[in-house]
Amino acid sequence: SFDQIIASVLPVIQSKLPVLFGLAIIENA
């Protein structure tokens, strides 16, 4: 599942990439 992938992979990515922040842009209909 996507949740399983995130749980195992995201910590590894964040330990290797200097990700300061993300900008979420949400559109309406």
PDB file of all heavy atoms in Angstrom:
ATOM      1  N   SER A   1       0.845  -1.193   0.000  1.00  0.00           N
ATOM      2  CA  SER A   1       0.000   0.000   0.000  1.00  0.00           C
ATOM      3  C   SER A   1       0.882   1.246   0.000  1.00  0.00           C
ATOM      4  O   SER A   1       2.054   1.198   0.372  1.00  0.00           O
ATOM      5  CB  SER A   1      -0.909   0.010   1.233  1.00  0.00           C
ATOM      6  OG  SER A   1      -0.142   0.271   2.412  1.00  0.00           O
ATOM      7  N   PHE A   2       0.291   2.371  -0.421  1.00  0.00           N
ATOM      8  CA  PHE A   2       1.052   3.618  -0.439  1.00  0.00           C
ATOM      9  C   PHE A   2       1.516   3.990   0.970  1.00  0.00           C
ATOM     10  O   PHE A   2       2.619   4.490   1.157  1.00  0.00           O
ATOM     11  CB  PHE A   2       0.191   4.733  -1.039  1.00  0.00           C
ATOM     12  CG  PHE A   2       0.962   5.975  -1.384  1.00  0.00           C
ATOM     13  CD1 PHE A   2       2.034   5.922  -2.262  1.00  0.00           C
ATOM     14  CD2 PHE A   2       0.616   7.203  -0.840  1.00  0.00           C
ATOM     15  CE1 PHE A   2       2.760   7.063  -2.584  1.00  0.00           C
ATOM     16  CE2 PHE A   2       1.332   8.351  -1.154  1.00  0.00           C
ATOM     17  CZ  PHE A   2       2.403   8.279  -2.030  1.00  0.00           C
ATOM     18  N   ASP A   3       0.676   3.720   1.970  1.00  0.00           N
ATOM     19  CA  ASP A   3       1.046   4.017   3.362  1.00  0.00           C
ATOM     20  C   ASP A   3       2.256   3.194   3.800  1.00  0.00           C
ATOM     21  O   ASP A   3       3.133   3.688   4.519  1.00  0.00           O
ATOM     22  CB  ASP A   3      -0.137   3.743   4.296  1.00  0.00           C
ATOM     23  CG  ASP A   3      -1.241   4.782   4.164  1.00  0.00           C
ATOM     24  OD1 ASP A   3      -0.972   5.859   3.598  1.00  0.00           O
ATOM     25  OD2 ASP A   3      -2.368   4.519   4.622  1.00  0.00           O
ATOM     26  N   GLN A   4       2.299   1.931   3.383  1.00  0.00           N
ATOM     27  CA  GLN A   4       3.445   1.082   3.730  1.00  0.00           C
ATOM     28  C   GLN A   4       4.722   1.599   3.075  1.00  0.00           C
ATOM     29  O   GLN A   4       5.790   1.612   3.704  1.00  0.00           O
ATOM     30  CB  GLN A   4       3.181  -0.360   3.282  1.00  0.00           C
ATOM     31  CG  GLN A   4       2.149  -1.106   4.110  1.00  0.00           C
ATOM     32  CD  GLN A   4       1.883  -2.499   3.566  1.00  0.00           C
ATOM     33  OE1 GLN A   4       1.631  -2.665   2.370  1.00  0.00           O
ATOM     34  NE2 GLN A   4       1.945  -3.500   4.429  1.00  0.00           N
ATOM     35  N   ILE A   5       4.604   2.018   1.833  1.00  0.00           N
ATOM     36  CA  ILE A   5       5.775   2.536   1.116  1.00  0.00           C
ATOM     37  C   ILE A   5       6.281   3.808   1.780  1.00  0.00           C
ATOM     38  O   ILE A   5       7.481   3.988   1.992  1.00  0.00           O
ATOM     39  CB  ILE A   5       5.420   2.798  -0.364  1.00  0.00           C
ATOM     40  CG1 ILE A   5       5.064   1.480  -1.055  1.00  0.00           C
ATOM     41  CG2 ILE A   5       6.591   3.471  -1.084  1.00  0.00           C
ATOM     42  CD1 ILE A   5       4.536   1.649  -2.460  1.00  0.00           C
ATOM     43  N   ILE A   6       5.358   4.698   2.116  1.00  0.00           N
ATOM     44  CA  ILE A   6       5.736   5.956   2.766  1.00  0.00           C
ATOM     45  C   ILE A   6       6.474   5.690   4.078  1.00  0.00           C
ATOM     46  O   ILE A   6       7.517   6.279   4.365  1.00  0.00           O
ATOM     47  CB  ILE A   6       4.497   6.827   3.027  1.00  0.00           C
ATOM     48  CG1 ILE A   6       3.929   7.353   1.707  1.00  0.00           C
ATOM     49  CG2 ILE A   6       4.839   8.001   3.956  1.00  0.00           C
ATOM     50  CD1 ILE A   6       2.609   8.083   1.865  1.00  0.00           C
ATOM     51  N   ALA A   7       5.900   4.801   4.886  1.00  0.00           N
ATOM     52  CA  ALA A   7       6.476   4.524   6.209  1.00  0.00           C
ATOM     53  C   ALA A   7       7.909   4.012   6.116  1.00  0.00           C
ATOM     54  O   ALA A   7       8.751   4.335   6.968  1.00  0.00           O
ATOM     55  CB  ALA A   7       5.603   3.517   6.956  1.00  0.00           C
ATOM     56  N   SER A   8       8.208   3.230   5.083  1.00  0.00           N
ATOM     57  CA  SER A   8       9.546   2.653   4.981  1.00  0.00           C
ATOM     58  C   SER A   8      10.525   3.530   4.193  1.00  0.00           C
ATOM     59  O   SER A   8      11.726   3.518   4.468  1.00  0.00           O
ATOM     60  CB  SER A   8       9.461   1.270   4.312  1.00  0.00           C
ATOM     61  OG  SER A   8       8.936   1.374   3.006  1.00  0.00           O
ATOM     62  N   VAL A   9      10.013   4.304   3.230  1.00  0.00           N
ATOM     63  CA  VAL A   9      10.897   5.027   2.321  1.00  0.00           C
ATOM     64  C   VAL A   9      11.094   6.488   2.697  1.00  0.00           C
ATOM     65  O   VAL A   9      12.212   7.024   2.577  1.00  0.00           O
ATOM     66  CB  VAL A   9      10.363   4.930   0.867  1.00  0.00           C
ATOM     67  CG1 VAL A   9      11.205   5.771  -0.072  1.00  0.00           C
ATOM     68  CG2 VAL A   9      10.336   3.486   0.411  1.00  0.00           C
ATOM     69  N   LEU A  10      10.032   7.155   3.154  1.00  0.00           N
ATOM     70  CA  LEU A  10      10.132   8.587   3.429  1.00  0.00           C
ATOM     71  C   LEU A  10      11.259   8.946   4.392  1.00  0.00           C
ATOM     72  O   LEU A  10      12.004   9.905   4.131  1.00  0.00           O
ATOM     73  CB  LEU A  10       8.795   9.130   3.941  1.00  0.00           C
ATOM     74  CG  LEU A  10       8.737  10.637   4.154  1.00  0.00           C
ATOM     75  CD1 LEU A  10       8.972  11.392   2.850  1.00  0.00           C
ATOM     76  CD2 LEU A  10       7.390  11.056   4.756  1.00  0.00           C
ATOM     77  N   PRO A  11      11.439   8.224   5.515  1.00  0.00           N
ATOM     78  CA  PRO A  11      12.550   8.567   6.415  1.00  0.00           C
ATOM     79  C   PRO A  11      13.916   8.494   5.731  1.00  0.00           C
ATOM     80  O   PRO A  11      14.807   9.302   6.021  1.00  0.00           O
ATOM     81  CB  PRO A  11      12.430   7.514   7.531  1.00  0.00           C
ATOM     82  CG  PRO A  11      10.995   7.101   7.509  1.00  0.00           C
ATOM     83  CD  PRO A  11      10.611   7.126   6.063  1.00  0.00           C
ATOM     84  N   VAL A  12      14.079   7.536   4.817  1.00  0.00           N
ATOM     85  CA  VAL A  12      15.358   7.395   4.109  1.00  0.00           C
ATOM     86  C   VAL A  12      15.578   8.592   3.190  1.00  0.00           C
ATOM     87  O   VAL A  12      16.673   9.176   3.148  1.00  0.00           O
ATOM     88  CB  VAL A  12      15.378   6.086   3.285  1.00  0.00           C
ATOM     89  CG1 VAL A  12      16.677   5.983   2.491  1.00  0.00           C
ATOM     90  CG2 VAL A  12      15.208   4.881   4.194  1.00  0.00           C
ATOM     91  N   ILE A  13      14.539   8.981   2.453  1.00  0.00           N
ATOM     92  CA  ILE A  13      14.653  10.129   1.548  1.00  0.00           C
ATOM     93  C   ILE A  13      14.981  11.396   2.329  1.00  0.00           C
ATOM     94  O   ILE A  13      15.877  12.162   1.960  1.00  0.00           O
ATOM     95  CB  ILE A  13      13.336  10.326   0.756  1.00  0.00           C
ATOM     96  CG1 ILE A  13      13.113   9.150  -0.193  1.00  0.00           C
ATOM     97  CG2 ILE A  13      13.369  11.637  -0.028  1.00  0.00           C
ATOM     98  CD1 ILE A  13      11.811   9.212  -0.953  1.00  0.00           C
ATOM     99  N   GLN A  14      14.266  11.609   3.425  1.00  0.00           N
ATOM    100  CA  GLN A  14      14.471  12.833   4.202  1.00  0.00           C
ATOM    101  C   GLN A  14      15.832  12.867   4.883  1.00  0.00           C
ATOM    102  O   GLN A  14      16.353  13.946   5.174  1.00  0.00           O
ATOM    103  CB  GLN A  14      13.346  12.989   5.228  1.00  0.00           C
ATOM    104  CG  GLN A  14      12.001  13.297   4.572  1.00  0.00           C
ATOM    105  CD  GLN A  14      10.888  13.466   5.587  1.00  0.00           C
ATOM    106  OE1 GLN A  14      10.789  12.722   6.556  1.00  0.00           O
ATOM    107  NE2 GLN A  14      10.029  14.448   5.363  1.00  0.00           N
ATOM    108  N   SER A  15      16.423  11.707   5.108  1.00  0.00           N
ATOM    109  CA  SER A  15      17.763  11.675   5.717  1.00  0.00           C
ATOM    110  C   SER A  15      18.849  12.003   4.695  1.00  0.00           C
ATOM    111  O   SER A  15      19.961  12.348   5.054  1.00  0.00           O
ATOM    112  CB  SER A  15      18.032  10.291   6.330  1.00  0.00           C
ATOM    113  OG  SER A  15      18.193   9.312   5.320  1.00  0.00           O
ATOM    114  N   LYS A  16      18.515  11.907   3.410  1.00  0.00           N
ATOM    115  CA  LYS A  16      19.509  12.113   2.364  1.00  0.00           C
ATOM    116  C   LYS A  16      19.297  13.390   1.562  1.00  0.00           C
ATOM    117  O   LYS A  16      20.215  13.861   0.891  1.00  0.00           O
ATOM    118  CB  LYS A  16      19.515  10.910   1.413  1.00  0.00           C
ATOM    119  CG  LYS A  16      19.953   9.603   2.075  1.00  0.00           C
ATOM    120  CD  LYS A  16      19.938   8.450   1.089  1.00  0.00           C
ATOM    121  CE  LYS A  16      20.418   7.165   1.753  1.00  0.00           C
ATOM    122  NZ  LYS A  16      21.840   7.230   2.143  1.00  0.00           N
ATOM    123  N   LEU A  17      18.090  13.964   1.624  1.00  0.00           N
ATOM    124  CA  LEU A  17      17.796  15.182   0.873  1.00  0.00           C
ATOM    125  C   LEU A  17      17.506  16.343   1.817  1.00  0.00           C
ATOM    126  O   LEU A  17      16.774  16.183   2.794  1.00  0.00           O
ATOM    127  CB  LEU A  17      16.578  14.970  -0.045  1.00  0.00           C
ATOM    128  CG  LEU A  17      16.729  13.989  -1.210  1.00  0.00           C
ATOM    129  CD1 LEU A  17      15.404  13.876  -1.956  1.00  0.00           C
ATOM    130  CD2 LEU A  17      17.825  14.441  -2.154  1.00  0.00           C
ATOM    131  N   PRO A  18      18.050  17.531   1.539  1.00  0.00           N
ATOM    132  CA  PRO A  18      17.802  18.702   2.400  1.00  0.00           C
ATOM    133  C   PRO A  18      16.459  19.361   2.067  1.00  0.00           C
ATOM    134  O   PRO A  18      16.398  20.434   1.462  1.00  0.00           O
ATOM    135  CB  PRO A  18      18.982  19.619   2.060  1.00  0.00           C
ATOM    136  CG  PRO A  18      19.274  19.302   0.623  1.00  0.00           C
ATOM    137  CD  PRO A  18      19.008  17.823   0.460  1.00  0.00           C
ATOM    138  N   VAL A  19      15.378  18.697   2.457  1.00  0.00           N
ATOM    139  CA  VAL A  19      14.038  19.216   2.161  1.00  0.00           C
ATOM    140  C   VAL A  19      13.614  20.151   3.298  1.00  0.00           C
ATOM    141  O   VAL A  19      13.271  19.699   4.395  1.00  0.00           O
ATOM    142  CB  VAL A  19      13.021  18.072   2.001  1.00  0.00           C
ATOM    143  CG1 VAL A  19      11.642  18.638   1.657  1.00  0.00           C
ATOM    144  CG2 VAL A  19      13.475  17.101   0.919  1.00  0.00           C
ATOM    145  N   LEU A  20      13.638  21.447   3.044  1.00  0.00           N
ATOM    146  CA  LEU A  20      13.288  22.412   4.078  1.00  0.00           C
ATOM    147  C   LEU A  20      11.787  22.498   4.293  1.00  0.00           C
ATOM    148  O   LEU A  20      11.304  22.509   5.416  1.00  0.00           O
ATOM    149  CB  LEU A  20      13.840  23.797   3.711  1.00  0.00           C
ATOM    150  CG  LEU A  20      15.351  23.911   3.559  1.00  0.00           C
ATOM    151  CD1 LEU A  20      15.739  25.344   3.213  1.00  0.00           C
ATOM    152  CD2 LEU A  20      16.044  23.461   4.841  1.00  0.00           C
ATOM    153  N   PHE A  21      11.037  22.568   3.179  1.00  0.00           N
ATOM    154  CA  PHE A  21       9.579  22.685   3.304  1.00  0.00           C
ATOM    155  C   PHE A  21       8.927  22.353   1.961  1.00  0.00           C
ATOM    156  O   PHE A  21       9.595  22.228   0.935  1.00  0.00           O
ATOM    157  CB  PHE A  21       9.174  24.093   3.740  1.00  0.00           C
ATOM    158  CG  PHE A  21       9.468  25.158   2.708  1.00  0.00           C
ATOM    159  CD1 PHE A  21       8.504  25.541   1.769  1.00  0.00           C
ATOM    160  CD2 PHE A  21      10.707  25.785   2.666  1.00  0.00           C
ATOM    161  CE1 PHE A  21       8.788  26.505   0.824  1.00  0.00           C
ATOM    162  CE2 PHE A  21      10.995  26.755   1.712  1.00  0.00           C
ATOM    163  CZ  PHE A  21      10.030  27.124   0.787  1.00  0.00           C
ATOM    164  N   GLY A  22       7.624  22.197   2.007  1.00  0.00           N
ATOM    165  CA  GLY A  22       6.843  22.013   0.788  1.00  0.00           C
ATOM    166  C   GLY A  22       5.746  23.062   0.766  1.00  0.00           C
ATOM    167  O   GLY A  22       5.313  23.546   1.816  1.00  0.00           O
ATOM    168  N   LEU A  23       5.323  23.445  -0.423  1.00  0.00           N
ATOM    169  CA  LEU A  23       4.264  24.442  -0.562  1.00  0.00           C
ATOM    170  C   LEU A  23       3.028  23.757  -1.141  1.00  0.00           C
ATOM    171  O   LEU A  23       3.027  23.338  -2.302  1.00  0.00           O
ATOM    172  CB  LEU A  23       4.713  25.578  -1.479  1.00  0.00           C
ATOM    173  CG  LEU A  23       3.828  26.832  -1.468  1.00  0.00           C
ATOM    174  CD1 LEU A  23       3.830  27.484  -0.095  1.00  0.00           C
ATOM    175  CD2 LEU A  23       4.313  27.824  -2.521  1.00  0.00           C
ATOM    176  N   ALA A  24       1.997  23.627  -0.319  1.00  0.00           N
ATOM    177  CA  ALA A  24       0.758  22.977  -0.755  1.00  0.00           C
ATOM    178  C   ALA A  24      -0.169  24.019  -1.371  1.00  0.00           C
ATOM    179  O   ALA A  24      -0.475  25.034  -0.751  1.00  0.00           O
ATOM    180  CB  ALA A  24       0.068  22.317   0.431  1.00  0.00           C
ATOM    181  N   ILE A  25      -0.594  23.766  -2.604  1.00  0.00           N
ATOM    182  CA  ILE A  25      -1.521  24.663  -3.298  1.00  0.00           C
ATOM    183  C   ILE A  25      -2.779  23.863  -3.625  1.00  0.00           C
ATOM    184  O   ILE A  25      -2.736  22.918  -4.411  1.00  0.00           O
ATOM    185  CB  ILE A  25      -0.906  25.227  -4.590  1.00  0.00           C
ATOM    186  CG1 ILE A  25       0.425  25.922  -4.280  1.00  0.00           C
ATOM    187  CG2 ILE A  25      -1.874  26.191  -5.272  1.00  0.00           C
ATOM    188  CD1 ILE A  25       1.181  26.363  -5.517  1.00  0.00           C
ATOM    189  N   ILE A  26      -3.878  24.240  -3.008  1.00  0.00           N
ATOM    190  CA  ILE A  26      -5.141  23.512  -3.183  1.00  0.00           C
ATOM    191  C   ILE A  26      -6.099  24.344  -4.019  1.00  0.00           C
ATOM    192  O   ILE A  26      -6.322  25.521  -3.733  1.00  0.00           O
ATOM    193  CB  ILE A  26      -5.776  23.187  -1.814  1.00  0.00           C
ATOM    194  CG1 ILE A  26      -4.834  22.289  -1.010  1.00  0.00           C
ATOM    195  CG2 ILE A  26      -7.139  22.516  -1.994  1.00  0.00           C
ATOM    196  CD1 ILE A  26      -5.318  21.997   0.392  1.00  0.00           C
ATOM    197  N   GLU A  27      -6.639  23.735  -5.071  1.00  0.00           N
ATOM    198  CA  GLU A  27      -7.596  24.415  -5.936  1.00  0.00           C
ATOM    199  C   GLU A  27      -9.026  24.063  -5.538  1.00  0.00           C
ATOM    200  O   GLU A  27      -9.282  22.994  -4.984  1.00  0.00           O
ATOM    201  CB  GLU A  27      -7.371  24.005  -7.398  1.00  0.00           C
ATOM    202  CG  GLU A  27      -6.056  24.463  -7.980  1.00  0.00           C
ATOM    203  CD  GLU A  27      -5.922  24.079  -9.448  1.00  0.00           C
ATOM    204  OE1 GLU A  27      -6.757  23.285  -9.929  1.00  0.00           O
ATOM    205  OE2 GLU A  27      -4.997  24.576 -10.111  1.00  0.00           O
ATOM    206  N   ASN A  28      -9.951  24.958  -5.898  1.00  0.00           N
ATOM    207  CA  ASN A  28     -11.363  24.646  -5.709  1.00  0.00           C
ATOM    208  C   ASN A  28     -11.927  24.047  -6.993  1.00  0.00           C
ATOM    209  O   ASN A  28     -11.191  23.764  -7.940  1.00  0.00           O
ATOM    210  CB  ASN A  28     -12.146  25.890  -5.278  1.00  0.00           C
ATOM    211  CG  ASN A  28     -12.102  27.004  -6.322  1.00  0.00           C
ATOM    212  OD1 ASN A  28     -11.805  26.776  -7.492  1.00  0.00           O
ATOM    213  ND2 ASN A  28     -12.397  28.221  -5.887  1.00  0.00           N
ATOM    214  N   ALA A  29     -13.240  23.872  -7.049  1.00  0.00           N
ATOM    215  CA  ALA A  29     -13.880  23.224  -8.193  1.00  0.00           C
ATOM    216  C   ALA A  29     -13.763  24.027  -9.483  1.00  0.00           C
ATOM    217  O   ALA A  29     -13.968  23.490 -10.571  1.00  0.00           O
ATOM    218  CB  ALA A  29     -15.352  22.962  -7.882  1.00  0.00           C
TER     219      ALA A  29
END
